[in-house]
Amino acid sequence: ARAAGDDWRTTYSLNLLAAGRLQSGTPALARTAATEALPLARPRGDRWGTALALATLGNLSAATGDLDDAEHDLSESLVLQR
């Protein structure tokens, strides 16, 4: 998807990769994938892709005790999902 310049599919793939890495116990790799997805999704107005990336980042922040960042990212994700 990245080689083809398909930002939507790249965002989708990165979000799936981030979720899988989060579930498999590799949070640093999950953060990398979600952090890559966010700037692809947000400028295109991709609410779904942005919300998923923010949810992953928020869950990672919560898991590491960074509750301010977790609240910010999860709140924004929730607004976009509504």
N, C-alpha and C. Protein backbone atom coordinates (compact mmCIF):
# COMPACT_ATOMS: atom_id res chain seq x y z
N ALA A 1 0.84 -1.19 0.00
CA ALA A 1 0.00 0.00 0.00
C ALA A 1 0.88 1.25 0.00
N ARG A 2 1.93 1.21 0.79
CA ARG A 2 2.81 2.38 0.87
C ARG A 2 3.48 2.62 -0.48
N ALA A 3 3.97 1.55 -1.11
CA ALA A 3 4.64 1.68 -2.41
C ALA A 3 3.69 2.18 -3.48
N ALA A 4 2.42 1.84 -3.36
CA ALA A 4 1.42 2.26 -4.33
C ALA A 4 0.89 3.67 -4.04
N GLY A 5 1.31 4.26 -2.92
CA GLY A 5 0.84 5.59 -2.55
C GLY A 5 -0.59 5.61 -2.04
N ASP A 6 -1.05 4.47 -1.55
CA ASP A 6 -2.42 4.35 -1.05
C ASP A 6 -2.41 4.63 0.46
N ASP A 7 -2.63 5.90 0.81
CA ASP A 7 -2.54 6.30 2.21
C ASP A 7 -3.62 5.65 3.07
N TRP A 8 -4.81 5.46 2.52
CA TRP A 8 -5.87 4.84 3.32
C TRP A 8 -5.49 3.42 3.71
N ARG A 9 -5.05 2.61 2.75
CA ARG A 9 -4.67 1.23 3.07
C ARG A 9 -3.41 1.17 3.94
N THR A 10 -2.51 2.12 3.75
CA THR A 10 -1.32 2.18 4.60
C THR A 10 -1.73 2.47 6.04
N THR A 11 -2.63 3.45 6.21
CA THR A 11 -3.14 3.78 7.54
C THR A 11 -3.82 2.58 8.18
N TYR A 12 -4.68 1.92 7.42
CA TYR A 12 -5.40 0.74 7.91
C TYR A 12 -4.41 -0.35 8.34
N SER A 13 -3.42 -0.61 7.50
CA SER A 13 -2.43 -1.65 7.80
C SER A 13 -1.61 -1.30 9.04
N LEU A 14 -1.20 -0.04 9.14
CA LEU A 14 -0.43 0.37 10.32
C LEU A 14 -1.25 0.27 11.59
N ASN A 15 -2.54 0.61 11.51
CA ASN A 15 -3.40 0.49 12.69
C ASN A 15 -3.58 -0.98 13.09
N LEU A 16 -3.74 -1.87 12.12
CA LEU A 16 -3.82 -3.30 12.44
C LEU A 16 -2.52 -3.79 13.05
N LEU A 17 -1.40 -3.36 12.47
CA LEU A 17 -0.10 -3.74 12.99
C LEU A 17 0.08 -3.24 14.43
N ALA A 18 -0.31 -2.00 14.68
CA ALA A 18 -0.20 -1.44 16.03
C ALA A 18 -1.03 -2.23 17.03
N ALA A 19 -2.27 -2.55 16.66
CA ALA A 19 -3.14 -3.31 17.56
C ALA A 19 -2.57 -4.70 17.83
N GLY A 20 -2.07 -5.34 16.81
CA GLY A 20 -1.47 -6.66 16.98
C GLY A 20 -0.24 -6.62 17.86
N ARG A 21 0.58 -5.62 17.66
CA ARG A 21 1.78 -5.49 18.48
C ARG A 21 1.43 -5.16 19.93
N LEU A 22 0.39 -4.38 20.13
CA LEU A 22 -0.06 -4.07 21.49
C LEU A 22 -0.52 -5.35 22.18
N GLN A 23 -1.30 -6.16 21.48
CA GLN A 23 -1.81 -7.41 22.05
C GLN A 23 -0.71 -8.43 22.28
N SER A 24 0.34 -8.38 21.47
CA SER A 24 1.41 -9.38 21.60
C SER A 24 2.48 -8.97 22.60
N GLY A 25 2.30 -7.81 23.21
CA GLY A 25 3.23 -7.41 24.27
C GLY A 25 4.47 -6.70 23.77
N THR A 26 4.39 -6.06 22.62
CA THR A 26 5.51 -5.26 22.13
C THR A 26 5.06 -3.81 21.98
N PRO A 27 4.91 -3.12 23.12
CA PRO A 27 4.34 -1.77 23.09
C PRO A 27 5.17 -0.75 22.32
N ALA A 28 6.48 -0.86 22.35
CA ALA A 28 7.30 0.11 21.61
C ALA A 28 7.04 0.00 20.11
N LEU A 29 6.92 -1.22 19.62
CA LEU A 29 6.63 -1.42 18.20
C LEU A 29 5.20 -0.98 17.87
N ALA A 30 4.28 -1.18 18.80
CA ALA A 30 2.90 -0.73 18.61
C ALA A 30 2.87 0.80 18.50
N ARG A 31 3.61 1.46 19.36
CA ARG A 31 3.65 2.93 19.34
C ARG A 31 4.22 3.43 18.02
N THR A 32 5.25 2.77 17.52
CA THR A 32 5.85 3.18 16.24
C THR A 32 4.82 3.11 15.12
N ALA A 33 4.09 2.00 15.04
CA ALA A 33 3.09 1.84 13.97
C ALA A 33 1.96 2.86 14.10
N ALA A 34 1.45 3.05 15.31
CA ALA A 34 0.35 4.01 15.51
C ALA A 34 0.82 5.44 15.24
N THR A 35 2.04 5.73 15.62
CA THR A 35 2.60 7.06 15.38
C THR A 35 2.77 7.32 13.89
N GLU A 36 3.07 6.28 13.12
CA GLU A 36 3.16 6.43 11.66
C GLU A 36 1.77 6.60 11.03
N ALA A 37 0.78 5.93 11.57
CA ALA A 37 -0.57 5.98 11.01
C ALA A 37 -1.22 7.36 11.20
N LEU A 38 -0.99 7.96 12.33
CA LEU A 38 -1.68 9.21 12.68
C LEU A 38 -1.47 10.33 11.66
N PRO A 39 -0.24 10.65 11.27
CA PRO A 39 -0.07 11.75 10.31
C PRO A 39 -0.53 11.41 8.89
N LEU A 40 -0.76 10.15 8.61
CA LEU A 40 -1.34 9.78 7.31
C LEU A 40 -2.85 9.99 7.33
N ALA A 41 -3.46 9.69 8.45
CA ALA A 41 -4.92 9.74 8.56
C ALA A 41 -5.44 11.16 8.80
N ARG A 42 -4.84 11.85 9.73
CA ARG A 42 -5.39 13.15 10.18
C ARG A 42 -5.51 14.18 9.05
N PRO A 43 -4.46 14.42 8.25
CA PRO A 43 -4.59 15.48 7.24
C PRO A 43 -5.60 15.16 6.14
N ARG A 44 -5.91 13.89 5.95
CA ARG A 44 -6.88 13.50 4.92
C ARG A 44 -8.31 13.53 5.46
N GLY A 45 -8.46 13.83 6.74
CA GLY A 45 -9.79 13.83 7.34
C GLY A 45 -10.33 12.42 7.56
N ASP A 46 -9.44 11.45 7.66
CA ASP A 46 -9.82 10.06 7.90
C ASP A 46 -10.11 9.89 9.38
N ARG A 47 -11.37 10.11 9.76
CA ARG A 47 -11.76 10.07 11.17
C ARG A 47 -11.53 8.69 11.77
N TRP A 48 -11.87 7.65 11.02
CA TRP A 48 -11.73 6.28 11.51
C TRP A 48 -10.26 5.94 11.76
N GLY A 49 -9.40 6.21 10.77
CA GLY A 49 -7.97 5.92 10.92
C GLY A 49 -7.33 6.71 12.04
N THR A 50 -7.74 7.98 12.15
CA THR A 50 -7.23 8.84 13.22
C THR A 50 -7.68 8.31 14.57
N ALA A 51 -8.95 7.95 14.68
CA ALA A 51 -9.49 7.45 15.95
C ALA A 51 -8.79 6.17 16.39
N LEU A 52 -8.54 5.27 15.46
CA LEU A 52 -7.86 4.01 15.82
C LEU A 52 -6.43 4.27 16.29
N ALA A 53 -5.72 5.11 15.59
CA ALA A 53 -4.35 5.42 15.99
C ALA A 53 -4.33 6.08 17.37
N LEU A 54 -5.24 7.02 17.59
CA LEU A 54 -5.31 7.69 18.90
C LEU A 54 -5.69 6.71 20.01
N ALA A 55 -6.59 5.79 19.72
CA ALA A 55 -6.98 4.80 20.74
C ALA A 55 -5.79 3.93 21.12
N THR A 56 -5.02 3.50 20.14
CA THR A 56 -3.83 2.70 20.43
C THR A 56 -2.82 3.50 21.24
N LEU A 57 -2.58 4.73 20.82
CA LEU A 57 -1.63 5.57 21.56
C LEU A 57 -2.13 5.84 22.98
N GLY A 58 -3.43 6.07 23.13
CA GLY A 58 -4.00 6.28 24.46
C GLY A 58 -3.87 5.06 25.34
N ASN A 59 -4.13 3.89 24.79
CA ASN A 59 -3.99 2.65 25.56
C ASN A 59 -2.54 2.41 25.95
N LEU A 60 -1.63 2.72 25.06
CA LEU A 60 -0.20 2.58 25.40
C LEU A 60 0.19 3.54 26.51
N SER A 61 -0.29 4.78 26.43
CA SER A 61 0.03 5.76 27.48
C SER A 61 -0.56 5.32 28.82
N ALA A 62 -1.78 4.81 28.79
CA ALA A 62 -2.40 4.33 30.04
C ALA A 62 -1.60 3.17 30.64
N ALA A 63 -1.14 2.28 29.79
CA ALA A 63 -0.39 1.11 30.26
C ALA A 63 0.95 1.50 30.89
N THR A 64 1.51 2.63 30.46
CA THR A 64 2.79 3.06 31.01
C THR A 64 2.62 4.12 32.10
N GLY A 65 1.37 4.42 32.47
CA GLY A 65 1.11 5.34 33.57
C GLY A 65 1.08 6.80 33.17
N ASP A 66 1.15 7.09 31.88
CA ASP A 66 1.09 8.48 31.42
C ASP A 66 -0.39 8.84 31.21
N LEU A 67 -1.06 9.10 32.32
CA LEU A 67 -2.51 9.26 32.29
C LEU A 67 -2.98 10.54 31.61
N ASP A 68 -2.19 11.59 31.63
CA ASP A 68 -2.58 12.82 30.95
C ASP A 68 -2.64 12.61 29.44
N ASP A 69 -1.59 11.99 28.89
CA ASP A 69 -1.59 11.70 27.46
C ASP A 69 -2.68 10.69 27.11
N ALA A 70 -2.87 9.70 27.98
CA ALA A 70 -3.91 8.69 27.73
C ALA A 70 -5.28 9.35 27.66
N GLU A 71 -5.56 10.22 28.60
CA GLU A 71 -6.86 10.89 28.61
C GLU A 71 -7.05 11.73 27.36
N HIS A 72 -6.02 12.45 26.97
CA HIS A 72 -6.10 13.31 25.78
C HIS A 72 -6.38 12.47 24.53
N ASP A 73 -5.56 11.45 24.30
CA ASP A 73 -5.70 10.64 23.08
C ASP A 73 -7.01 9.85 23.06
N LEU A 74 -7.37 9.26 24.19
CA LEU A 74 -8.60 8.47 24.22
C LEU A 74 -9.84 9.35 24.10
N SER A 75 -9.80 10.54 24.68
CA SER A 75 -10.93 11.46 24.56
C SER A 75 -11.12 11.90 23.11
N GLU A 76 -10.02 12.24 22.44
CA GLU A 76 -10.13 12.64 21.05
C GLU A 76 -10.61 11.48 20.18
N SER A 77 -10.12 10.29 20.47
CA SER A 77 -10.56 9.11 19.72
C SER A 77 -12.05 8.90 19.89
N LEU A 78 -12.55 9.04 21.10
CA LEU A 78 -13.96 8.85 21.37
C LEU A 78 -14.83 9.87 20.61
N VAL A 79 -14.40 11.12 20.60
CA VAL A 79 -15.13 12.16 19.87
C VAL A 79 -15.22 11.78 18.39
N LEU A 80 -14.12 11.34 17.82
CA LEU A 80 -14.11 10.97 16.39
C LEU A 80 -14.96 9.75 16.11
N GLN A 81 -14.99 8.81 17.05
CA GLN A 81 -15.78 7.59 16.85
C GLN A 81 -17.28 7.84 16.96
N ARG A 82 -17.65 8.86 17.72
CA ARG A 82 -19.08 9.18 17.87
C ARG A 82 -19.59 9.76 16.59
